[in-house]
Structure formats: C-alpha cells, structure tokens
Amino acid sequence: MVQRFFGFLLPGLLNSGLALWIVWHLATTASYARGMGFGAFVWLYAIGGLAIVLSCASAFMLLATGGSGSTDAAQRRPWLMTALINTSIPSVLMLLLLVLR
C-alpha cells in the first residue's frame, strides 16, 4: 500500500498539480508578461524531479521484484505503464511551459 502511494499516487498528484499550475499561469497571465521567475522555475523543476525519481524507483522495483509467469507479468503491466507515464509527464509539462510562455 505504501509502495503504491509513493510510487504511483504521489507522482500522479504531483503531475496533476504541475499541469494545473501551468494552465492557471497561462490563463491568468497576459501573453506579454508570461516571464517566469527563476524561483518558480526551480520549484517546478524540483517537483517534477521528485515525480520522476519516485516513478523510476517504482518501475525499477516492479521489474526487479517481479516473479516469473505470464499471470504475474499481466498484473504488473498496467502498474509499469503508469510508472513510465508518470516519469515522462513532468518533462513534457516543462517543455510545454517553455514553448507557450
């Protein structure tokens, strides 16, 4: 239960928070004033990095501790896909913010 929270739910919540902040920032700031301060960028980078680290660790744990057999692999596959998607979302969000600002 703790592994699923830290490995899947927390990175998903961090990614959702990043996406909501980016949408809010882009919607409430005029296009000519969208310059983001260094402090905000550092916080976003740290939160995205935490999501990436937690997701990578959970994906590694799924691959390293998995048993053999097709049933076990079929049960782990959705969790592994979730971990890998959570790993790539912060990078995509940061690139989107840099492109749209």
N, C-alpha and C. Protein backbone atom coordinates (compact mmCIF):
# COMPACT_ATOMS: atom_id res chain seq x y z
N MET A 1 0.82 -1.19 0.00
CA MET A 1 0.00 0.00 0.00
C MET A 1 0.87 1.26 0.00
N VAL A 2 1.90 1.28 0.85
CA VAL A 2 2.80 2.43 0.90
C VAL A 2 3.57 2.58 -0.40
N GLN A 3 4.00 1.44 -0.97
CA GLN A 3 4.74 1.49 -2.23
C GLN A 3 3.86 2.05 -3.34
N ARG A 4 2.59 1.65 -3.38
CA ARG A 4 1.69 2.17 -4.42
C ARG A 4 1.42 3.66 -4.22
N PHE A 5 1.35 4.10 -2.96
CA PHE A 5 1.12 5.53 -2.72
C PHE A 5 2.32 6.34 -3.20
N PHE A 6 3.53 5.98 -2.75
CA PHE A 6 4.72 6.74 -3.11
C PHE A 6 5.16 6.49 -4.55
N GLY A 7 4.84 5.34 -5.10
CA GLY A 7 5.28 5.02 -6.45
C GLY A 7 4.34 5.43 -7.55
N PHE A 8 3.04 5.52 -7.24
CA PHE A 8 2.07 5.79 -8.30
C PHE A 8 1.15 6.98 -7.99
N LEU A 9 0.58 7.02 -6.80
CA LEU A 9 -0.38 8.06 -6.48
C LEU A 9 0.30 9.41 -6.28
N LEU A 10 1.37 9.46 -5.51
CA LEU A 10 2.07 10.73 -5.26
C LEU A 10 2.63 11.34 -6.55
N PRO A 11 3.33 10.58 -7.41
CA PRO A 11 3.77 11.18 -8.68
C PRO A 11 2.60 11.65 -9.54
N GLY A 12 1.50 10.91 -9.53
CA GLY A 12 0.33 11.35 -10.29
C GLY A 12 -0.24 12.65 -9.75
N LEU A 13 -0.28 12.78 -8.43
CA LEU A 13 -0.75 14.03 -7.82
C LEU A 13 0.20 15.19 -8.12
N LEU A 14 1.50 14.93 -8.06
CA LEU A 14 2.48 15.97 -8.39
C LEU A 14 2.34 16.42 -9.84
N ASN A 15 2.16 15.46 -10.74
CA ASN A 15 1.98 15.80 -12.15
C ASN A 15 0.69 16.58 -12.37
N SER A 16 -0.37 16.19 -11.69
CA SER A 16 -1.64 16.92 -11.81
C SER A 16 -1.49 18.34 -11.30
N GLY A 17 -0.79 18.49 -10.17
CA GLY A 17 -0.55 19.83 -9.64
C GLY A 17 0.28 20.68 -10.59
N LEU A 18 1.29 20.10 -11.20
CA LEU A 18 2.09 20.84 -12.18
C LEU A 18 1.24 21.27 -13.37
N ALA A 19 0.42 20.36 -13.86
CA ALA A 19 -0.44 20.69 -15.01
C ALA A 19 -1.43 21.79 -14.66
N LEU A 20 -2.04 21.70 -13.48
CA LEU A 20 -2.99 22.73 -13.07
C LEU A 20 -2.32 24.08 -12.90
N TRP A 21 -1.10 24.10 -12.32
CA TRP A 21 -0.40 25.36 -12.15
C TRP A 21 -0.05 25.97 -13.50
N ILE A 22 0.40 25.15 -14.44
CA ILE A 22 0.75 25.66 -15.76
C ILE A 22 -0.48 26.23 -16.46
N VAL A 23 -1.59 25.52 -16.40
CA VAL A 23 -2.83 26.02 -17.02
C VAL A 23 -3.26 27.32 -16.36
N TRP A 24 -3.20 27.37 -15.02
CA TRP A 24 -3.57 28.59 -14.31
C TRP A 24 -2.64 29.74 -14.68
N HIS A 25 -1.34 29.47 -14.72
CA HIS A 25 -0.36 30.51 -15.05
C HIS A 25 -0.58 31.05 -16.46
N LEU A 26 -0.81 30.16 -17.40
CA LEU A 26 -1.01 30.60 -18.78
C LEU A 26 -2.35 31.31 -18.97
N ALA A 27 -3.37 30.92 -18.20
CA ALA A 27 -4.69 31.53 -18.37
C ALA A 27 -4.80 32.88 -17.68
N THR A 28 -4.08 33.09 -16.59
CA THR A 28 -4.25 34.33 -15.83
C THR A 28 -3.20 35.38 -16.14
N THR A 29 -2.19 35.05 -16.89
CA THR A 29 -1.11 35.99 -17.18
C THR A 29 -1.20 36.41 -18.64
N ALA A 30 -1.07 37.69 -18.87
CA ALA A 30 -1.09 38.20 -20.25
C ALA A 30 0.10 37.63 -21.02
N SER A 31 -0.07 37.49 -22.31
CA SER A 31 0.98 36.84 -23.11
C SER A 31 2.29 37.62 -23.11
N TYR A 32 2.22 38.95 -22.98
CA TYR A 32 3.46 39.73 -22.98
C TYR A 32 4.15 39.71 -21.61
N ALA A 33 3.47 39.22 -20.57
CA ALA A 33 4.04 39.22 -19.22
C ALA A 33 4.22 37.82 -18.66
N ARG A 34 4.39 36.84 -19.51
CA ARG A 34 4.49 35.46 -19.04
C ARG A 34 5.88 35.05 -18.60
N GLY A 35 6.75 35.98 -18.41
CA GLY A 35 8.07 35.64 -17.92
C GLY A 35 7.98 35.01 -16.54
N MET A 36 8.59 33.89 -16.39
CA MET A 36 8.53 33.16 -15.13
C MET A 36 9.83 33.40 -14.37
N GLY A 37 9.72 33.70 -13.10
CA GLY A 37 10.90 33.94 -12.28
C GLY A 37 11.71 32.67 -12.08
N PHE A 38 12.96 32.86 -11.72
CA PHE A 38 13.85 31.73 -11.52
C PHE A 38 13.39 30.87 -10.35
N GLY A 39 12.87 31.50 -9.30
CA GLY A 39 12.40 30.75 -8.14
C GLY A 39 11.25 29.82 -8.48
N ALA A 40 10.31 30.30 -9.28
CA ALA A 40 9.19 29.44 -9.69
C ALA A 40 9.68 28.29 -10.56
N PHE A 41 10.63 28.56 -11.43
CA PHE A 41 11.16 27.51 -12.28
C PHE A 41 11.87 26.44 -11.44
N VAL A 42 12.60 26.87 -10.42
CA VAL A 42 13.30 25.92 -9.55
C VAL A 42 12.30 25.03 -8.82
N TRP A 43 11.22 25.63 -8.30
CA TRP A 43 10.19 24.83 -7.61
C TRP A 43 9.54 23.84 -8.55
N LEU A 44 9.19 24.28 -9.76
CA LEU A 44 8.59 23.37 -10.73
C LEU A 44 9.55 22.25 -11.11
N TYR A 45 10.81 22.58 -11.28
CA TYR A 45 11.81 21.59 -11.63
C TYR A 45 12.00 20.58 -10.49
N ALA A 46 11.98 21.06 -9.25
CA ALA A 46 12.13 20.17 -8.09
C ALA A 46 10.94 19.24 -7.95
N ILE A 47 9.73 19.76 -8.12
CA ILE A 47 8.53 18.93 -8.01
C ILE A 47 8.50 17.90 -9.14
N GLY A 48 8.81 18.34 -10.35
CA GLY A 48 8.87 17.40 -11.47
C GLY A 48 9.96 16.35 -11.28
N GLY A 49 11.10 16.75 -10.72
CA GLY A 49 12.17 15.80 -10.46
C GLY A 49 11.78 14.77 -9.41
N LEU A 50 11.05 15.21 -8.39
CA LEU A 50 10.58 14.28 -7.38
C LEU A 50 9.62 13.26 -7.99
N ALA A 51 8.74 13.72 -8.85
CA ALA A 51 7.80 12.79 -9.52
C ALA A 51 8.57 11.79 -10.38
N ILE A 52 9.59 12.25 -11.08
CA ILE A 52 10.38 11.37 -11.93
C ILE A 52 11.12 10.33 -11.10
N VAL A 53 11.75 10.77 -10.01
CA VAL A 53 12.51 9.85 -9.16
C VAL A 53 11.60 8.78 -8.56
N LEU A 54 10.45 9.20 -8.03
CA LEU A 54 9.53 8.23 -7.42
C LEU A 54 9.00 7.25 -8.46
N SER A 55 8.67 7.74 -9.64
CA SER A 55 8.14 6.86 -10.69
C SER A 55 9.21 5.89 -11.20
N CYS A 56 10.43 6.38 -11.37
CA CYS A 56 11.51 5.49 -11.81
C CYS A 56 11.80 4.43 -10.77
N ALA A 57 11.79 4.81 -9.50
CA ALA A 57 12.03 3.84 -8.43
C ALA A 57 10.94 2.78 -8.40
N SER A 58 9.69 3.19 -8.58
CA SER A 58 8.61 2.20 -8.56
C SER A 58 8.68 1.29 -9.78
N ALA A 59 9.04 1.83 -10.95
CA ALA A 59 9.19 0.98 -12.13
C ALA A 59 10.32 -0.01 -11.93
N PHE A 60 11.44 0.46 -11.36
CA PHE A 60 12.56 -0.44 -11.10
C PHE A 60 12.16 -1.53 -10.11
N MET A 61 11.44 -1.17 -9.07
CA MET A 61 11.01 -2.16 -8.08
C MET A 61 10.06 -3.18 -8.71
N LEU A 62 9.20 -2.74 -9.60
CA LEU A 62 8.30 -3.68 -10.28
C LEU A 62 9.08 -4.67 -11.13
N LEU A 63 10.10 -4.17 -11.82
CA LEU A 63 10.88 -5.04 -12.69
C LEU A 63 11.83 -5.94 -11.89
N ALA A 64 12.37 -5.42 -10.81
CA ALA A 64 13.36 -6.18 -10.05
C ALA A 64 12.75 -7.24 -9.13
N THR A 65 11.57 -6.97 -8.61
CA THR A 65 10.99 -7.89 -7.64
C THR A 65 9.90 -8.77 -8.24
N GLY A 66 9.67 -8.67 -9.51
CA GLY A 66 8.60 -9.46 -10.13
C GLY A 66 8.97 -10.92 -10.22
N GLY A 67 7.97 -11.76 -10.05
CA GLY A 67 8.17 -13.20 -10.19
C GLY A 67 8.09 -13.60 -11.64
N SER A 68 8.12 -14.89 -11.86
CA SER A 68 8.04 -15.38 -13.22
C SER A 68 6.60 -15.82 -13.50
N GLY A 69 6.28 -15.93 -14.74
CA GLY A 69 4.95 -16.38 -15.11
C GLY A 69 4.17 -15.29 -15.82
N SER A 70 3.29 -15.71 -16.72
CA SER A 70 2.54 -14.74 -17.51
C SER A 70 1.46 -14.04 -16.68
N THR A 71 0.92 -14.69 -15.66
CA THR A 71 -0.11 -14.07 -14.83
C THR A 71 0.47 -12.91 -14.05
N ASP A 72 1.66 -13.11 -13.47
CA ASP A 72 2.30 -12.05 -12.72
C ASP A 72 2.67 -10.88 -13.63
N ALA A 73 3.16 -11.17 -14.81
CA ALA A 73 3.53 -10.12 -15.76
C ALA A 73 2.30 -9.34 -16.21
N ALA A 74 1.19 -10.02 -16.41
CA ALA A 74 -0.03 -9.34 -16.82
C ALA A 74 -0.56 -8.43 -15.73
N GLN A 75 -0.38 -8.80 -14.48
CA GLN A 75 -0.83 -7.97 -13.36
C GLN A 75 0.09 -6.76 -13.15
N ARG A 76 1.36 -6.91 -13.45
CA ARG A 76 2.32 -5.81 -13.26
C ARG A 76 2.33 -4.84 -14.42
N ARG A 77 1.90 -5.26 -15.60
CA ARG A 77 1.99 -4.41 -16.79
C ARG A 77 1.28 -3.07 -16.65
N PRO A 78 0.03 -3.00 -16.16
CA PRO A 78 -0.61 -1.68 -16.01
C PRO A 78 0.12 -0.76 -15.02
N TRP A 79 0.64 -1.34 -13.94
CA TRP A 79 1.37 -0.52 -12.98
C TRP A 79 2.68 -0.01 -13.57
N LEU A 80 3.34 -0.85 -14.36
CA LEU A 80 4.58 -0.43 -15.01
C LEU A 80 4.31 0.68 -16.02
N MET A 81 3.24 0.56 -16.78
CA MET A 81 2.89 1.61 -17.73
C MET A 81 2.57 2.92 -17.01
N THR A 82 1.87 2.83 -15.89
CA THR A 82 1.57 4.03 -15.11
C THR A 82 2.84 4.69 -14.60
N ALA A 83 3.77 3.89 -14.12
CA ALA A 83 5.04 4.45 -13.63
C ALA A 83 5.83 5.11 -14.76
N LEU A 84 5.87 4.50 -15.92
CA LEU A 84 6.61 5.08 -17.04
C LEU A 84 5.94 6.35 -17.57
N ILE A 85 4.62 6.37 -17.58
CA ILE A 85 3.91 7.58 -18.00
C ILE A 85 4.16 8.70 -16.99
N ASN A 86 4.09 8.39 -15.69
CA ASN A 86 4.38 9.39 -14.67
C ASN A 86 5.80 9.90 -14.76
N THR A 87 6.70 9.10 -15.29
CA THR A 87 8.09 9.52 -15.45
C THR A 87 8.24 10.55 -16.56
N SER A 88 7.47 10.42 -17.62
CA SER A 88 7.64 11.32 -18.77
C SER A 88 6.80 12.60 -18.68
N ILE A 89 5.74 12.60 -17.90
CA ILE A 89 4.84 13.77 -17.86
C ILE A 89 5.53 15.05 -17.39
N PRO A 90 6.35 15.05 -16.31
CA PRO A 90 6.97 16.32 -15.90
C PRO A 90 7.84 16.95 -16.98
N SER A 91 8.57 16.15 -17.73
CA SER A 91 9.40 16.70 -18.80
C SER A 91 8.54 17.33 -19.89
N VAL A 92 7.46 16.67 -20.24
CA VAL A 92 6.56 17.21 -21.26
C VAL A 92 5.93 18.51 -20.78
N LEU A 93 5.52 18.55 -19.51
CA LEU A 93 4.91 19.77 -18.97
C LEU A 93 5.90 20.93 -18.93
N MET A 94 7.14 20.67 -18.56
CA MET A 94 8.12 21.75 -18.54
C MET A 94 8.43 22.25 -19.95
N LEU A 95 8.51 21.34 -20.90
CA LEU A 95 8.71 21.77 -22.28
C LEU A 95 7.53 22.58 -22.79
N LEU A 96 6.32 22.15 -22.43
CA LEU A 96 5.12 22.90 -22.82
C LEU A 96 5.13 24.30 -22.23
N LEU A 97 5.53 24.41 -20.99
CA LEU A 97 5.59 25.73 -20.36
C LEU A 97 6.61 26.63 -21.05
N LEU A 98 7.76 26.08 -21.41
CA LEU A 98 8.78 26.88 -22.09
C LEU A 98 8.35 27.29 -23.48
N VAL A 99 7.62 26.42 -24.17
CA VAL A 99 7.15 26.75 -25.53
C VAL A 99 6.05 27.80 -25.49
N LEU A 100 5.14 27.69 -24.54
CA LEU A 100 3.97 28.58 -24.51
C LEU A 100 4.17 29.88 -23.75
N ARG A 101 5.30 30.07 -23.12
CA ARG A 101 5.43 31.31 -22.36
C ARG A 101 5.88 32.44 -23.19
